[in-house]
Amino acid sequence: MESLRVEPLPETSDVAAAENLLDLIWDEMQAFGTGGGNSCDDKEIAAAIRTLEGVTRRLGVPIELPFQNFTKFRTYWLRNDGYGSWQARRDLLEAIFEPTRKELSTLESRLAGPKIKEETISGLRNPAAIREHLARGF
């Protein structure tokens, strides 16, 4: 986690890492807030949150969570009308995470670059040059 927080990993894109971290944290917070079925402990979820914040900052779509671990998430939901309602806690999580999820999806689409249908270039004398240029990106 620490390595990913500081710099990109060679075997995965930052966008994919951020999406996976977001899913992990969301799932863990939801499990904690709706019955305690979370797998991570406070220290592990804190590391995941710090890493998500670092990766999204690097991508230019920073997310800063209003809590740093499960204990602080509980305090957060109590201050924000989540007491006694699992649905309210899920709604709090959605409000926090969904904008970043959408930004990451948009960023992923932009980074994928232009697409061209094979039948459009198949009649050219040397379509390999176009394919190669598109694969390199901009």
N, C-alpha and C. Protein backbone atom coordinates (compact mmCIF):
# COMPACT_ATOMS: atom_id res chain seq x y z
N MET A 1 0.83 -1.19 0.00
CA MET A 1 0.00 0.00 0.00
C MET A 1 0.87 1.26 0.00
N GLU A 2 1.90 1.22 0.81
CA GLU A 2 2.77 2.40 0.93
C GLU A 2 3.43 2.75 -0.40
N SER A 3 3.90 1.74 -1.12
CA SER A 3 4.53 1.99 -2.42
C SER A 3 3.55 2.61 -3.40
N LEU A 4 2.34 2.09 -3.46
CA LEU A 4 1.31 2.62 -4.36
C LEU A 4 0.92 4.03 -3.97
N ARG A 5 0.88 4.32 -2.69
CA ARG A 5 0.53 5.68 -2.26
C ARG A 5 1.54 6.69 -2.77
N VAL A 6 2.80 6.30 -2.82
CA VAL A 6 3.88 7.21 -3.19
C VAL A 6 4.08 7.32 -4.70
N GLU A 7 3.93 6.20 -5.42
CA GLU A 7 4.18 6.21 -6.86
C GLU A 7 3.39 5.09 -7.54
N PRO A 8 3.17 5.23 -8.85
CA PRO A 8 2.45 4.19 -9.57
C PRO A 8 3.19 2.85 -9.52
N LEU A 9 2.43 1.78 -9.55
CA LEU A 9 3.04 0.45 -9.64
C LEU A 9 3.21 0.10 -11.11
N PRO A 10 4.29 -0.56 -11.46
CA PRO A 10 4.54 -0.84 -12.88
C PRO A 10 3.51 -1.77 -13.52
N GLU A 11 2.91 -2.64 -12.73
CA GLU A 11 2.02 -3.66 -13.32
C GLU A 11 0.55 -3.27 -13.37
N THR A 12 0.20 -2.06 -12.89
CA THR A 12 -1.21 -1.66 -12.91
C THR A 12 -1.32 -0.15 -13.10
N SER A 13 -2.39 0.27 -13.71
CA SER A 13 -2.60 1.71 -13.90
C SER A 13 -3.11 2.33 -12.60
N ASP A 14 -2.82 3.60 -12.43
CA ASP A 14 -3.33 4.31 -11.25
C ASP A 14 -4.85 4.34 -11.24
N VAL A 15 -5.47 4.45 -12.41
CA VAL A 15 -6.93 4.48 -12.47
C VAL A 15 -7.49 3.16 -11.95
N ALA A 16 -6.96 2.05 -12.42
CA ALA A 16 -7.43 0.73 -11.96
C ALA A 16 -7.17 0.57 -10.46
N ALA A 17 -6.01 1.01 -9.99
CA ALA A 17 -5.70 0.91 -8.57
C ALA A 17 -6.68 1.73 -7.75
N ALA A 18 -6.96 2.95 -8.20
CA ALA A 18 -7.90 3.82 -7.47
C ALA A 18 -9.30 3.21 -7.46
N GLU A 19 -9.75 2.68 -8.59
CA GLU A 19 -11.08 2.06 -8.64
C GLU A 19 -11.17 0.88 -7.68
N ASN A 20 -10.13 0.05 -7.65
CA ASN A 20 -10.14 -1.11 -6.76
C ASN A 20 -10.07 -0.70 -5.29
N LEU A 21 -9.27 0.30 -4.98
CA LEU A 21 -9.21 0.80 -3.60
C LEU A 21 -10.55 1.40 -3.19
N LEU A 22 -11.15 2.16 -4.08
CA LEU A 22 -12.46 2.75 -3.78
C LEU A 22 -13.48 1.66 -3.48
N ASP A 23 -13.49 0.61 -4.30
CA ASP A 23 -14.42 -0.52 -4.07
C ASP A 23 -14.14 -1.20 -2.74
N LEU A 24 -12.88 -1.43 -2.45
CA LEU A 24 -12.50 -2.08 -1.18
C LEU A 24 -12.97 -1.26 0.01
N ILE A 25 -12.65 0.02 0.00
CA ILE A 25 -13.01 0.88 1.14
C ILE A 25 -14.52 1.00 1.27
N TRP A 26 -15.20 1.20 0.16
CA TRP A 26 -16.67 1.29 0.19
C TRP A 26 -17.26 0.01 0.79
N ASP A 27 -16.83 -1.14 0.27
CA ASP A 27 -17.35 -2.42 0.77
C ASP A 27 -17.06 -2.62 2.25
N GLU A 28 -15.85 -2.29 2.66
CA GLU A 28 -15.47 -2.45 4.06
C GLU A 28 -16.25 -1.51 4.97
N MET A 29 -16.41 -0.27 4.56
CA MET A 29 -17.17 0.69 5.36
C MET A 29 -18.65 0.30 5.42
N GLN A 30 -19.17 -0.16 4.31
CA GLN A 30 -20.58 -0.60 4.30
C GLN A 30 -20.76 -1.80 5.22
N ALA A 31 -19.85 -2.75 5.15
CA ALA A 31 -19.95 -3.93 6.03
C ALA A 31 -19.85 -3.51 7.49
N PHE A 32 -18.91 -2.63 7.79
CA PHE A 32 -18.75 -2.16 9.17
C PHE A 32 -20.01 -1.43 9.64
N GLY A 33 -20.57 -0.61 8.77
CA GLY A 33 -21.72 0.20 9.15
C GLY A 33 -23.04 -0.53 9.14
N THR A 34 -23.06 -1.75 8.63
CA THR A 34 -24.34 -2.48 8.56
C THR A 34 -24.24 -3.87 9.15
N GLY A 35 -23.48 -4.00 10.20
CA GLY A 35 -23.46 -5.28 10.87
C GLY A 35 -22.10 -5.79 11.28
N GLY A 36 -21.04 -5.13 10.86
CA GLY A 36 -19.72 -5.51 11.33
C GLY A 36 -19.08 -6.67 10.59
N GLY A 37 -19.41 -6.90 9.33
CA GLY A 37 -18.80 -7.99 8.58
C GLY A 37 -17.55 -7.59 7.83
N ASN A 38 -16.91 -6.53 8.25
CA ASN A 38 -15.71 -6.07 7.56
C ASN A 38 -14.54 -7.03 7.79
N SER A 39 -13.63 -7.07 6.81
CA SER A 39 -12.45 -7.94 6.88
C SER A 39 -11.22 -7.21 7.41
N CYS A 40 -11.11 -5.93 7.11
CA CYS A 40 -9.96 -5.13 7.54
C CYS A 40 -10.14 -4.64 8.97
N ASP A 41 -9.02 -4.35 9.62
CA ASP A 41 -9.09 -3.70 10.92
C ASP A 41 -8.85 -2.20 10.72
N ASP A 42 -8.87 -1.43 11.81
CA ASP A 42 -8.71 0.02 11.71
C ASP A 42 -7.41 0.41 11.03
N LYS A 43 -6.32 -0.25 11.37
CA LYS A 43 -5.01 0.08 10.80
C LYS A 43 -4.98 -0.22 9.30
N GLU A 44 -5.53 -1.35 8.89
CA GLU A 44 -5.53 -1.73 7.47
C GLU A 44 -6.41 -0.80 6.63
N ILE A 45 -7.59 -0.45 7.15
CA ILE A 45 -8.47 0.43 6.37
C ILE A 45 -7.87 1.83 6.31
N ALA A 46 -7.18 2.25 7.38
CA ALA A 46 -6.51 3.56 7.36
C ALA A 46 -5.45 3.61 6.27
N ALA A 47 -4.70 2.53 6.12
CA ALA A 47 -3.68 2.46 5.07
C ALA A 47 -4.33 2.50 3.68
N ALA A 48 -5.43 1.80 3.51
CA ALA A 48 -6.14 1.80 2.22
C ALA A 48 -6.67 3.20 1.91
N ILE A 49 -7.20 3.90 2.91
CA ILE A 49 -7.73 5.25 2.70
C ILE A 49 -6.60 6.21 2.32
N ARG A 50 -5.50 6.16 3.04
CA ARG A 50 -4.35 7.03 2.71
C ARG A 50 -3.87 6.76 1.28
N THR A 51 -3.85 5.50 0.90
CA THR A 51 -3.40 5.13 -0.45
C THR A 51 -4.38 5.65 -1.50
N LEU A 52 -5.67 5.47 -1.28
CA LEU A 52 -6.68 5.99 -2.21
C LEU A 52 -6.53 7.50 -2.36
N GLU A 53 -6.38 8.19 -1.27
CA GLU A 53 -6.23 9.65 -1.33
C GLU A 53 -4.97 10.04 -2.11
N GLY A 54 -3.88 9.32 -1.91
CA GLY A 54 -2.64 9.60 -2.64
C GLY A 54 -2.76 9.34 -4.13
N VAL A 55 -3.36 8.21 -4.49
CA VAL A 55 -3.49 7.85 -5.91
C VAL A 55 -4.44 8.81 -6.62
N THR A 56 -5.57 9.14 -6.01
CA THR A 56 -6.51 10.05 -6.67
C THR A 56 -5.92 11.45 -6.80
N ARG A 57 -5.14 11.87 -5.83
CA ARG A 57 -4.46 13.17 -5.91
C ARG A 57 -3.50 13.16 -7.12
N ARG A 58 -2.76 12.07 -7.27
CA ARG A 58 -1.82 11.94 -8.38
C ARG A 58 -2.56 11.98 -9.73
N LEU A 59 -3.76 11.44 -9.76
CA LEU A 59 -4.55 11.41 -10.99
C LEU A 59 -5.25 12.74 -11.28
N GLY A 60 -5.27 13.64 -10.31
CA GLY A 60 -5.95 14.92 -10.51
C GLY A 60 -7.44 14.88 -10.19
N VAL A 61 -7.89 13.82 -9.53
CA VAL A 61 -9.29 13.70 -9.08
C VAL A 61 -9.29 13.38 -7.58
N PRO A 62 -8.73 14.29 -6.78
CA PRO A 62 -8.51 13.97 -5.36
C PRO A 62 -9.80 13.74 -4.59
N ILE A 63 -9.75 12.75 -3.73
CA ILE A 63 -10.83 12.50 -2.78
C ILE A 63 -10.20 12.60 -1.39
N GLU A 64 -10.89 13.31 -0.52
CA GLU A 64 -10.46 13.38 0.87
C GLU A 64 -11.65 12.92 1.70
N LEU A 65 -11.52 11.76 2.28
CA LEU A 65 -12.61 11.19 3.06
C LEU A 65 -12.73 11.91 4.40
N PRO A 66 -13.96 12.06 4.89
CA PRO A 66 -14.18 12.74 6.17
C PRO A 66 -13.92 11.83 7.37
N PHE A 67 -13.29 10.71 7.14
CA PHE A 67 -12.93 9.75 8.19
C PHE A 67 -11.67 9.03 7.74
N GLN A 68 -10.88 8.55 8.71
CA GLN A 68 -9.62 7.89 8.38
C GLN A 68 -9.60 6.41 8.74
N ASN A 69 -10.65 5.94 9.42
CA ASN A 69 -10.72 4.53 9.82
C ASN A 69 -12.16 4.22 10.22
N PHE A 70 -12.40 3.01 10.68
CA PHE A 70 -13.75 2.61 11.07
C PHE A 70 -14.28 3.42 12.25
N THR A 71 -13.42 3.64 13.23
CA THR A 71 -13.84 4.37 14.42
C THR A 71 -14.32 5.77 14.05
N LYS A 72 -13.56 6.43 13.19
CA LYS A 72 -13.93 7.79 12.78
C LYS A 72 -15.11 7.78 11.83
N PHE A 73 -15.31 6.69 11.09
CA PHE A 73 -16.51 6.57 10.25
C PHE A 73 -17.75 6.51 11.13
N ARG A 74 -17.66 5.78 12.22
CA ARG A 74 -18.80 5.70 13.16
C ARG A 74 -19.13 7.08 13.70
N THR A 75 -18.13 7.83 14.11
CA THR A 75 -18.34 9.19 14.59
C THR A 75 -18.96 10.04 13.49
N TYR A 76 -18.50 9.87 12.27
CA TYR A 76 -19.04 10.62 11.13
C TYR A 76 -20.52 10.32 10.91
N TRP A 77 -20.88 9.04 10.91
CA TRP A 77 -22.29 8.73 10.64
C TRP A 77 -23.19 9.19 11.78
N LEU A 78 -22.68 9.17 13.00
CA LEU A 78 -23.49 9.66 14.13
C LEU A 78 -23.75 11.16 14.01
N ARG A 79 -22.80 11.91 13.52
CA ARG A 79 -22.97 13.35 13.34
C ARG A 79 -23.80 13.70 12.12
N ASN A 80 -24.00 12.74 11.22
CA ASN A 80 -24.69 13.01 9.95
C ASN A 80 -25.95 12.17 9.77
N ASP A 81 -26.71 12.03 10.82
CA ASP A 81 -28.02 11.37 10.79
C ASP A 81 -27.99 9.91 10.34
N GLY A 82 -26.91 9.21 10.65
CA GLY A 82 -26.83 7.80 10.30
C GLY A 82 -27.13 6.88 11.47
N TYR A 83 -27.46 7.43 12.62
CA TYR A 83 -27.73 6.61 13.81
C TYR A 83 -28.98 5.76 13.59
N GLY A 84 -28.85 4.47 13.81
CA GLY A 84 -29.99 3.56 13.75
C GLY A 84 -30.49 3.23 12.36
N SER A 85 -29.77 3.62 11.32
CA SER A 85 -30.24 3.37 9.96
C SER A 85 -29.10 2.90 9.06
N TRP A 86 -29.15 1.64 8.70
CA TRP A 86 -28.16 1.11 7.78
C TRP A 86 -28.26 1.80 6.42
N GLN A 87 -29.49 2.08 5.99
CA GLN A 87 -29.67 2.75 4.69
C GLN A 87 -29.06 4.15 4.70
N ALA A 88 -29.23 4.86 5.79
CA ALA A 88 -28.63 6.20 5.89
C ALA A 88 -27.12 6.12 5.77
N ARG A 89 -26.52 5.10 6.35
CA ARG A 89 -25.05 4.93 6.26
C ARG A 89 -24.64 4.60 4.83
N ARG A 90 -25.41 3.76 4.16
CA ARG A 90 -25.12 3.45 2.75
C ARG A 90 -25.24 4.72 1.90
N ASP A 91 -26.26 5.53 2.20
CA ASP A 91 -26.45 6.78 1.46
C ASP A 91 -25.29 7.74 1.68
N LEU A 92 -24.79 7.81 2.91
CA LEU A 92 -23.62 8.65 3.21
C LEU A 92 -22.42 8.20 2.37
N LEU A 93 -22.20 6.90 2.31
CA LEU A 93 -21.08 6.37 1.53
C LEU A 93 -21.24 6.68 0.05
N GLU A 94 -22.45 6.52 -0.45
CA GLU A 94 -22.68 6.81 -1.87
C GLU A 94 -22.40 8.28 -2.17
N ALA A 95 -22.85 9.17 -1.33
CA ALA A 95 -22.63 10.60 -1.54
C ALA A 95 -21.13 10.93 -1.54
N ILE A 96 -20.36 10.24 -0.74
CA ILE A 96 -18.93 10.49 -0.65
C ILE A 96 -18.18 9.89 -1.83
N PHE A 97 -18.48 8.65 -2.19
CA PHE A 97 -17.68 7.91 -3.16
C PHE A 97 -18.13 8.05 -4.61
N GLU A 98 -19.41 8.21 -4.86
CA GLU A 98 -19.92 8.16 -6.24
C GLU A 98 -19.35 9.25 -7.14
N PRO A 99 -19.18 10.49 -6.69
CA PRO A 99 -18.58 11.49 -7.59
C PRO A 99 -17.17 11.09 -8.05
N THR A 100 -16.37 10.54 -7.15
CA THR A 100 -15.02 10.11 -7.52
C THR A 100 -15.08 8.92 -8.45
N ARG A 101 -16.01 8.00 -8.20
CA ARG A 101 -16.16 6.84 -9.09
C ARG A 101 -16.47 7.31 -10.51
N LYS A 102 -17.34 8.29 -10.66
CA LYS A 102 -17.69 8.82 -11.98
C LYS A 102 -16.49 9.51 -12.63
N GLU A 103 -15.74 10.28 -11.84
CA GLU A 103 -14.55 10.95 -12.37
C GLU A 103 -13.51 9.94 -12.84
N LEU A 104 -13.33 8.87 -12.08
CA LEU A 104 -12.37 7.83 -12.48
C LEU A 104 -12.82 7.14 -13.76
N SER A 105 -14.10 6.89 -13.88
CA SER A 105 -14.63 6.27 -15.09
C SER A 105 -14.41 7.16 -16.31
N THR A 106 -14.64 8.45 -16.14
CA THR A 106 -14.41 9.41 -17.23
C THR A 106 -12.94 9.46 -17.59
N LEU A 107 -12.09 9.50 -16.59
CA LEU A 107 -10.65 9.53 -16.82
C LEU A 107 -10.19 8.28 -17.54
N GLU A 108 -10.70 7.13 -17.14
CA GLU A 108 -10.36 5.87 -17.80
C GLU A 108 -10.75 5.90 -19.27
N SER A 109 -11.92 6.44 -19.57
CA SER A 109 -12.38 6.54 -20.96
C SER A 109 -11.47 7.44 -21.77
N ARG A 110 -11.07 8.57 -21.19
CA ARG A 110 -10.19 9.50 -21.90
C ARG A 110 -8.82 8.88 -22.14
N LEU A 111 -8.30 8.16 -21.15
CA LEU A 111 -6.97 7.56 -21.28
C LEU A 111 -6.95 6.40 -22.27
N ALA A 112 -8.12 5.80 -22.51
CA ALA A 112 -8.19 4.68 -23.44
C ALA A 112 -7.90 5.14 -24.87
N GLY A 113 -8.07 6.43 -25.12
CA GLY A 113 -7.74 6.98 -26.43
C GLY A 113 -8.80 6.70 -27.47
N PRO A 114 -8.53 7.16 -28.68
CA PRO A 114 -9.52 7.00 -29.75
C PRO A 114 -9.62 5.55 -30.21
N LYS A 115 -10.77 5.20 -30.67
CA LYS A 115 -11.03 3.87 -31.21
C LYS A 115 -11.46 4.04 -32.68
N ILE A 116 -11.10 3.06 -33.47
CA ILE A 116 -11.50 3.08 -34.87
C ILE A 116 -11.93 1.68 -35.26
N LYS A 117 -13.01 1.60 -35.99
CA LYS A 117 -13.51 0.29 -36.40
C LYS A 117 -12.57 -0.32 -37.42
N GLU A 118 -12.32 -1.60 -37.30
CA GLU A 118 -11.39 -2.32 -38.18
C GLU A 118 -11.82 -2.21 -39.64
N GLU A 119 -13.14 -2.30 -39.90
CA GLU A 119 -13.58 -2.25 -41.30
C GLU A 119 -13.31 -0.89 -41.93
N THR A 120 -13.17 0.15 -41.12
CA THR A 120 -12.88 1.49 -41.64
C THR A 120 -11.49 1.56 -42.25
N ILE A 121 -10.52 0.87 -41.66
CA ILE A 121 -9.14 0.96 -42.16
C ILE A 121 -8.67 -0.29 -42.91
N SER A 122 -9.50 -1.31 -42.95
CA SER A 122 -9.05 -2.57 -43.55
C SER A 122 -8.74 -2.46 -45.03
N GLY A 123 -9.33 -1.51 -45.73
CA GLY A 123 -9.07 -1.35 -47.17
C GLY A 123 -7.82 -0.56 -47.48
N LEU A 124 -7.19 0.00 -46.49
CA LEU A 124 -5.97 0.76 -46.73
C LEU A 124 -4.80 -0.17 -47.06
N ARG A 125 -3.83 0.38 -47.76
CA ARG A 125 -2.66 -0.40 -48.14
C ARG A 125 -1.86 -0.86 -46.92
N ASN A 126 -1.73 0.02 -45.91
CA ASN A 126 -0.94 -0.32 -44.73
C ASN A 126 -1.66 0.14 -43.44
N PRO A 127 -2.72 -0.57 -43.03
CA PRO A 127 -3.45 -0.15 -41.84
C PRO A 127 -2.66 -0.36 -40.54
N ALA A 128 -1.57 -1.12 -40.60
CA ALA A 128 -0.78 -1.38 -39.40
C ALA A 128 -0.21 -0.09 -38.81
N ALA A 129 0.16 0.86 -39.67
CA ALA A 129 0.72 2.13 -39.18
C ALA A 129 -0.32 2.89 -38.37
N ILE A 130 -1.56 2.88 -38.79
CA ILE A 130 -2.62 3.56 -38.05
C ILE A 130 -2.87 2.85 -36.73
N ARG A 131 -2.93 1.53 -36.77
CA ARG A 131 -3.13 0.76 -35.53
C ARG A 131 -2.00 1.06 -34.53
N GLU A 132 -0.78 1.09 -35.03
CA GLU A 132 0.37 1.35 -34.16
C GLU A 132 0.30 2.74 -33.55
N HIS A 133 -0.06 3.72 -34.35
CA HIS A 133 -0.18 5.10 -33.86
C HIS A 133 -1.26 5.20 -32.78
N LEU A 134 -2.39 4.57 -32.98
CA LEU A 134 -3.47 4.60 -31.99
C LEU A 134 -3.05 3.89 -30.71
N ALA A 135 -2.31 2.82 -30.83
CA ALA A 135 -1.87 2.06 -29.65
C ALA A 135 -0.89 2.88 -28.81
N ARG A 136 -0.09 3.74 -29.45
CA ARG A 136 0.87 4.56 -28.71
C ARG A 136 0.19 5.64 -27.91
N GLY A 137 -0.96 6.09 -28.35
CA GLY A 137 -1.64 7.19 -27.66
C GLY A 137 -1.13 8.52 -28.12
N PHE A 138 -1.46 9.52 -27.36
CA PHE A 138 -1.10 10.89 -27.75
C PHE A 138 0.05 11.42 -26.94
